[in-house]
Amino acid sequence: MEVRSVTKKYGEVVAISKVSFSVERGEVFGLLGPNGAGKTTLMNMISGILDPDEGEVLIEGRRPSEARQLLGLCPQEPALYEDLTGLENLKFYAELYGAWDKGKALRLLEELGLSDYAKRRVKTYSGGMKKRLNLAVALIHDPSILVLDESTTGMDPAVRREVWNYVKKLKSAGKTVLLATNYMEEADELCDRVAIIDAGKVVALGPPEELKEKFGPEAAIEVRASKLTQAAIEAIKAVKRVERVEVEEAGFTVYASPVDESLPRIVEEAVKAGAEVESVRVRKPTLEDVFLKLTGKRLREVG
């Protein structure tokens, strides 16, 4: 799959600006960014729902409108017929591709934990069940490329983990997966490579570990503390090699390196200024740290 310098505008608003990347066969490729970053617009162009104003998308050398048999789209909001059963929905969509196979449909429902609900109307399903059925619909015609647009948003964490495991199985079976998400954990867990998107542009692209090494801090020092005054924060900021201090409800996070040198001074200055330190934890950098470094925003603040 090739995305070549695509741009999409809505009036004067530029939703996507000159975005380029390629996705290899058998790869799980992530688009990580907050709501409103342009991920869904980009997914819709890749799926052939929208045409780019500039640039082009090629699916195995063809335009998306000519390669729909190769694509399985799982949109952000389930596209299901509420008065049909789960099995009837699968049959309806499979027949659009001339690919109805009841045995395969039943296996998909079983794999996604829906076999007991196959003959129940979709309007009786929970939100998470609809999301899983939507994934089954995307797979019913056996596409080689699966396009997941924030498909696990709103899922119970345990169910989300089950879907992650299923995506890993699809990768093992040779499927290519394009995944849009605003969950950094999801991108970290599943993706071979990630394109971080903000305001319609790709601001970084690469394997998650490589991005964290290149753009993330050496580590983050998380301190739980009460009686935290502005004077204490200013004193911590003044410690040598402290890059940034983020104040949170239960304490603060400091980005500094090297950690071994900075940590004792940070705690010392906080205590001197009257803060009561309850605990200290050093954690490795995350993709959210990378996003923060590149954009000045947290995913959760704008997602």
Protein backbone atom coordinates (compact mmCIF):
# COMPACT_ATOMS: atom_id res chain seq x y z
CA MET A 1 0.00 0.00 0.00
CA GLU A 2 1.31 3.43 -0.96
CA VAL A 3 0.03 6.79 0.29
CA ARG A 4 1.66 9.48 -1.81
CA SER A 5 1.51 13.10 -0.70
CA VAL A 6 -2.26 13.10 -0.14
CA THR A 7 -4.11 16.27 0.82
CA LYS A 8 -7.78 16.69 1.70
CA LYS A 9 -9.59 19.96 2.37
CA TYR A 10 -13.08 20.79 3.60
CA GLY A 11 -13.58 24.34 2.39
CA GLU A 12 -10.74 26.33 3.90
CA VAL A 13 -9.94 23.65 6.48
CA VAL A 14 -7.01 21.36 5.61
CA ALA A 15 -7.83 17.97 7.19
CA ILE A 16 -4.82 16.13 5.72
CA SER A 17 -1.72 17.85 4.35
CA LYS A 18 0.77 16.12 2.05
CA VAL A 19 0.86 12.82 3.97
CA SER A 20 3.04 10.02 2.59
CA PHE A 21 3.88 6.53 3.84
CA SER A 22 3.92 2.93 2.69
CA VAL A 23 2.59 -0.20 4.40
CA GLU A 24 4.31 -3.52 3.83
CA ARG A 25 2.46 -6.82 3.35
CA GLY A 26 1.89 -8.59 6.64
CA GLU A 27 2.61 -5.46 8.67
CA VAL A 28 0.50 -3.88 11.39
CA PHE A 29 0.84 -0.16 10.69
CA GLY A 30 -0.58 2.38 13.14
CA LEU A 31 -1.89 5.91 12.76
CA LEU A 32 -1.62 7.39 16.26
CA GLY A 33 -3.13 10.74 17.09
CA PRO A 34 -5.91 12.53 18.95
CA ASN A 35 -9.49 12.90 17.78
CA GLY A 36 -9.56 15.54 15.05
CA ALA A 37 -6.01 14.85 13.88
CA GLY A 38 -7.24 13.62 10.48
CA LYS A 39 -6.98 9.85 10.99
CA THR A 40 -10.55 9.06 9.85
CA THR A 41 -10.24 11.31 6.78
CA LEU A 42 -7.05 9.48 5.86
CA MET A 43 -8.66 6.07 6.45
CA ASN A 44 -11.61 7.06 4.25
CA MET A 45 -9.25 8.00 1.41
CA ILE A 46 -7.37 4.72 1.77
CA SER A 47 -10.70 2.84 1.70
CA GLY A 48 -11.96 4.69 -1.37
CA ILE A 49 -14.81 6.46 0.45
CA LEU A 50 -13.16 9.84 -0.22
CA ASP A 51 -10.92 10.97 -3.05
CA PRO A 52 -7.86 13.05 -2.16
CA ASP A 53 -7.73 16.60 -3.48
CA GLU A 54 -4.04 16.06 -4.19
CA GLY A 55 -1.80 13.00 -4.28
CA GLU A 56 -2.86 9.37 -4.59
CA VAL A 57 -3.40 6.11 -2.73
CA LEU A 58 -2.42 2.83 -4.36
CA ILE A 59 -3.47 -0.61 -3.13
CA GLU A 60 -1.20 -3.16 -4.80
CA GLY A 61 -0.81 -0.71 -7.69
CA ARG A 62 -4.52 0.09 -8.01
CA ARG A 63 -6.73 2.91 -6.82
CA PRO A 64 -8.85 1.99 -3.76
CA SER A 65 -12.07 2.06 -5.81
CA GLU A 66 -10.56 -0.66 -8.02
CA ALA A 67 -9.24 -2.75 -5.12
CA ARG A 68 -12.20 -2.95 -2.74
CA GLN A 69 -12.15 -6.76 -2.76
CA LEU A 70 -8.74 -6.56 -1.09
CA LEU A 71 -9.91 -4.25 1.70
CA GLY A 72 -11.92 -4.93 4.82
CA LEU A 73 -13.06 -1.71 6.52
CA CYS A 74 -14.06 -1.62 10.17
CA PRO A 75 -15.28 1.97 10.71
CA GLN A 76 -15.33 3.93 13.94
CA GLU A 77 -19.10 3.57 14.28
CA PRO A 78 -20.57 0.11 13.56
CA ALA A 79 -22.27 -0.12 10.14
CA LEU A 80 -24.85 -2.79 10.97
CA TYR A 81 -28.54 -3.48 10.38
CA GLU A 82 -30.12 -3.43 13.83
CA ASP A 83 -33.21 -5.48 12.88
CA LEU A 84 -31.13 -8.28 11.37
CA THR A 85 -29.37 -10.94 13.43
CA GLY A 86 -25.58 -11.11 13.65
CA LEU A 87 -25.51 -13.98 11.16
CA GLU A 88 -27.87 -12.18 8.76
CA ASN A 89 -25.63 -9.11 8.82
CA LEU A 90 -22.66 -11.27 7.85
CA LYS A 91 -24.64 -12.86 5.05
CA PHE A 92 -25.78 -9.50 3.70
CA TYR A 93 -22.26 -8.09 3.51
CA ALA A 94 -20.67 -11.30 2.24
CA GLU A 95 -23.14 -11.46 -0.66
CA LEU A 96 -22.04 -7.97 -1.77
CA TYR A 97 -18.69 -9.60 -2.57
CA GLY A 98 -20.13 -12.91 -3.75
CA ALA A 99 -18.39 -14.55 -0.80
CA TRP A 100 -21.11 -16.04 1.41
CA ASP A 101 -19.96 -19.07 3.39
CA LYS A 102 -22.11 -19.92 6.40
CA GLY A 103 -19.45 -22.13 7.97
CA LYS A 104 -16.89 -19.34 7.78
CA ALA A 105 -19.39 -16.86 9.22
CA LEU A 106 -20.07 -19.11 12.19
CA ARG A 107 -16.34 -19.57 12.78
CA LEU A 108 -15.81 -15.81 12.75
CA LEU A 109 -18.60 -15.32 15.27
CA GLU A 110 -17.09 -18.00 17.48
CA GLU A 111 -13.59 -16.51 17.28
CA LEU A 112 -14.97 -13.11 18.29
CA GLY A 113 -17.05 -14.48 21.16
CA LEU A 114 -20.41 -13.98 19.46
CA SER A 115 -21.51 -17.52 18.59
CA ASP A 116 -24.21 -17.53 21.30
CA TYR A 117 -25.68 -14.37 19.77
CA ALA A 118 -25.57 -15.36 16.10
CA LYS A 119 -29.36 -15.54 15.80
CA ARG A 120 -30.18 -12.56 17.97
CA ARG A 121 -31.07 -9.19 16.48
CA VAL A 122 -28.26 -6.69 16.58
CA LYS A 123 -30.40 -4.14 18.42
CA THR A 124 -30.12 -6.42 21.47
CA TYR A 125 -26.29 -6.33 21.36
CA SER A 126 -24.15 -4.25 23.69
CA GLY A 127 -21.85 -1.59 22.22
CA GLY A 128 -18.82 -3.87 22.55
CA MET A 129 -20.63 -6.74 20.83
CA LYS A 130 -21.55 -4.48 17.92
CA LYS A 131 -17.90 -3.48 17.59
CA ARG A 132 -16.86 -7.15 17.42
CA LEU A 133 -19.57 -7.95 14.88
CA ASN A 134 -18.37 -4.99 12.84
CA LEU A 135 -14.92 -6.58 12.79
CA ALA A 136 -16.45 -9.87 11.61
CA VAL A 137 -18.22 -7.98 8.81
CA ALA A 138 -14.88 -6.47 7.72
CA LEU A 139 -13.36 -9.96 7.52
CA ILE A 140 -16.24 -11.93 5.98
CA HIS A 141 -14.93 -11.68 2.39
CA ASP A 142 -11.37 -12.65 3.44
CA PRO A 143 -9.61 -9.36 2.56
CA SER A 144 -5.83 -9.21 2.49
CA ILE A 145 -5.81 -5.74 4.10
CA LEU A 146 -7.82 -4.90 7.21
CA VAL A 147 -8.51 -1.21 7.92
CA LEU A 148 -9.44 -0.56 11.57
CA ASP A 149 -10.58 2.99 12.36
CA GLU A 150 -10.52 3.33 16.17
CA SER A 151 -12.40 0.04 16.29
CA THR A 152 -11.76 -0.62 19.99
CA THR A 153 -12.88 2.80 21.25
CA GLY A 154 -15.47 2.37 23.99
CA MET A 155 -14.72 -1.30 24.54
CA ASP A 156 -14.31 -2.79 27.99
CA PRO A 157 -10.52 -3.17 28.63
CA ALA A 158 -10.78 -6.97 28.82
CA VAL A 159 -12.67 -7.14 25.50
CA ARG A 160 -10.19 -4.72 23.93
CA ARG A 161 -7.38 -7.06 24.96
CA GLU A 162 -9.20 -9.98 23.27
CA VAL A 163 -9.46 -7.95 20.06
CA TRP A 164 -5.74 -7.13 20.26
CA ASN A 165 -4.98 -10.84 20.49
CA TYR A 166 -7.21 -11.46 17.48
CA VAL A 167 -5.37 -8.79 15.46
CA LYS A 168 -2.10 -10.56 16.32
CA LYS A 169 -3.58 -13.80 14.95
CA LEU A 170 -4.53 -12.01 11.73
CA LYS A 171 -0.96 -10.76 11.38
CA SER A 172 0.35 -14.28 11.94
CA ALA A 173 -1.98 -15.43 9.16
CA GLY A 174 -0.38 -12.92 6.77
CA LYS A 175 -2.98 -10.17 6.87
CA THR A 176 -1.92 -6.54 6.56
CA VAL A 177 -3.53 -4.33 9.20
CA LEU A 178 -3.85 -0.55 9.09
CA LEU A 179 -4.87 0.67 12.54
CA ALA A 180 -5.99 4.18 13.52
CA THR A 181 -6.03 4.75 17.27
CA ASN A 182 -5.72 7.33 20.01
CA TYR A 183 -4.68 4.67 22.53
CA MET A 184 -0.91 4.74 22.89
CA GLU A 185 -1.00 1.30 24.56
CA GLU A 186 -2.78 -0.13 21.52
CA ALA A 187 -0.19 1.26 19.12
CA ASP A 188 2.64 0.03 21.36
CA GLU A 189 1.17 -3.45 21.73
CA LEU A 190 0.23 -4.12 18.11
CA CYS A 191 2.14 -2.00 15.63
CA ASP A 192 5.33 -2.80 13.78
CA ARG A 193 5.52 0.86 12.78
CA VAL A 194 3.57 3.96 13.78
CA ALA A 195 2.89 7.27 12.05
CA ILE A 196 2.15 9.94 14.65
CA ILE A 197 -0.38 12.40 13.25
CA ASP A 198 -1.22 15.87 14.50
CA ALA A 199 -3.30 18.53 12.75
CA GLY A 200 -3.36 16.55 9.50
CA LYS A 201 0.39 16.00 9.24
CA VAL A 202 2.73 13.11 10.01
CA VAL A 203 5.13 14.43 12.65
CA ALA A 204 7.05 11.16 13.16
CA LEU A 205 7.14 7.66 11.66
CA GLY A 206 8.91 4.49 12.70
CA PRO A 207 8.84 1.46 15.02
CA PRO A 208 7.47 2.41 18.48
CA GLU A 209 10.73 1.60 20.29
CA GLU A 210 12.74 3.59 17.78
CA LEU A 211 10.44 6.62 18.17
CA LYS A 212 10.68 6.43 21.97
CA GLU A 213 14.46 6.22 21.79
CA LYS A 214 14.73 9.10 19.31
CA PHE A 215 12.15 11.54 20.68
CA GLY A 216 11.30 10.36 24.19
CA PRO A 217 13.10 11.23 27.41
CA GLU A 218 15.61 8.84 28.96
CA ALA A 219 12.94 8.21 31.59
CA ALA A 220 10.16 9.97 33.46
CA ILE A 221 10.23 10.43 37.22
CA GLU A 222 6.72 10.22 38.69
CA VAL A 223 6.43 11.66 42.20
CA ARG A 224 3.32 11.41 44.36
CA ALA A 225 3.30 14.31 46.79
CA SER A 226 0.95 16.50 48.81
CA LYS A 227 1.34 20.13 49.93
CA LEU A 228 2.91 20.87 46.56
CA THR A 229 3.39 24.63 46.21
CA GLN A 230 4.35 26.75 43.24
CA ALA A 231 7.63 27.48 45.03
CA ALA A 232 8.37 23.73 45.10
CA ILE A 233 7.64 23.41 41.38
CA GLU A 234 9.92 26.33 40.54
CA ALA A 235 12.68 24.82 42.68
CA ILE A 236 12.35 21.48 40.86
CA LYS A 237 12.44 23.19 37.47
CA ALA A 238 15.70 24.85 38.48
CA VAL A 239 17.44 21.50 39.08
CA LYS A 240 20.21 20.92 36.54
CA ARG A 241 19.19 18.77 33.52
CA VAL A 242 15.46 18.95 34.25
CA GLU A 243 13.78 19.38 30.87
CA ARG A 244 10.14 19.67 31.89
CA VAL A 245 7.87 19.38 34.94
CA GLU A 246 4.20 18.41 34.66
CA VAL A 247 2.01 19.03 37.69
CA GLU A 248 -0.79 16.52 38.23
CA GLU A 249 -3.53 16.07 40.80
CA ALA A 250 -1.54 13.69 43.01
CA GLY A 251 1.95 15.04 42.41
CA PHE A 252 4.19 15.73 39.44
CA THR A 253 6.19 14.11 36.63
CA VAL A 254 9.71 15.26 35.83
CA TYR A 255 11.52 14.63 32.55
CA ALA A 256 15.25 14.73 33.21
CA SER A 257 18.47 12.92 32.40
CA PRO A 258 20.54 11.29 33.61
CA VAL A 259 17.99 9.99 36.10
CA ASP A 260 20.54 8.77 38.67
CA GLU A 261 21.90 12.30 39.09
CA SER A 262 18.61 14.18 38.85
CA LEU A 263 16.31 12.11 41.06
CA PRO A 264 17.93 12.80 44.48
CA ARG A 265 18.09 16.54 43.79
CA ILE A 266 14.47 16.65 42.62
CA VAL A 267 13.23 14.97 45.81
CA GLU A 268 15.53 17.13 47.96
CA GLU A 269 14.26 20.38 46.43
CA ALA A 270 10.63 19.30 46.71
CA VAL A 271 11.01 18.46 50.42
CA LYS A 272 12.93 21.69 51.11
CA ALA A 273 10.05 23.66 49.62
CA GLY A 274 7.53 21.95 51.92
CA ALA A 275 6.17 19.19 49.73
CA GLU A 276 5.39 15.87 51.40
CA VAL A 277 6.73 13.14 49.09
CA GLU A 278 4.84 9.84 49.36
CA SER A 279 6.39 7.78 46.57
CA VAL A 280 8.75 7.96 43.61
CA ARG A 281 8.63 5.83 40.46
CA VAL A 282 10.89 5.89 37.42
CA ARG A 283 9.24 4.69 34.22
CA LYS A 284 10.39 4.22 30.66
CA PRO A 285 9.23 6.69 27.98
CA THR A 286 5.94 6.05 26.20
CA LEU A 287 4.50 7.01 22.83
CA GLU A 288 2.51 9.67 24.67
CA ASP A 289 5.81 11.18 25.81
CA VAL A 290 6.88 11.21 22.16
CA PHE A 291 3.63 12.90 21.12
CA LEU A 292 4.05 15.45 23.91
CA LYS A 293 7.63 16.19 22.88
CA LEU A 294 6.68 16.68 19.23
CA THR A 295 3.41 18.61 19.63
CA GLY A 296 3.44 20.12 23.12
CA LYS A 297 0.14 18.32 23.85
CA ARG A 298 -0.92 15.10 25.51
CA LEU A 299 -3.09 12.63 23.60
CA ARG A 300 -5.54 12.54 26.48
CA GLU A 301 -5.86 16.34 26.51
CA VAL A 302 -6.98 16.53 22.91
CA GLY A 303 -8.21 12.98 22.27
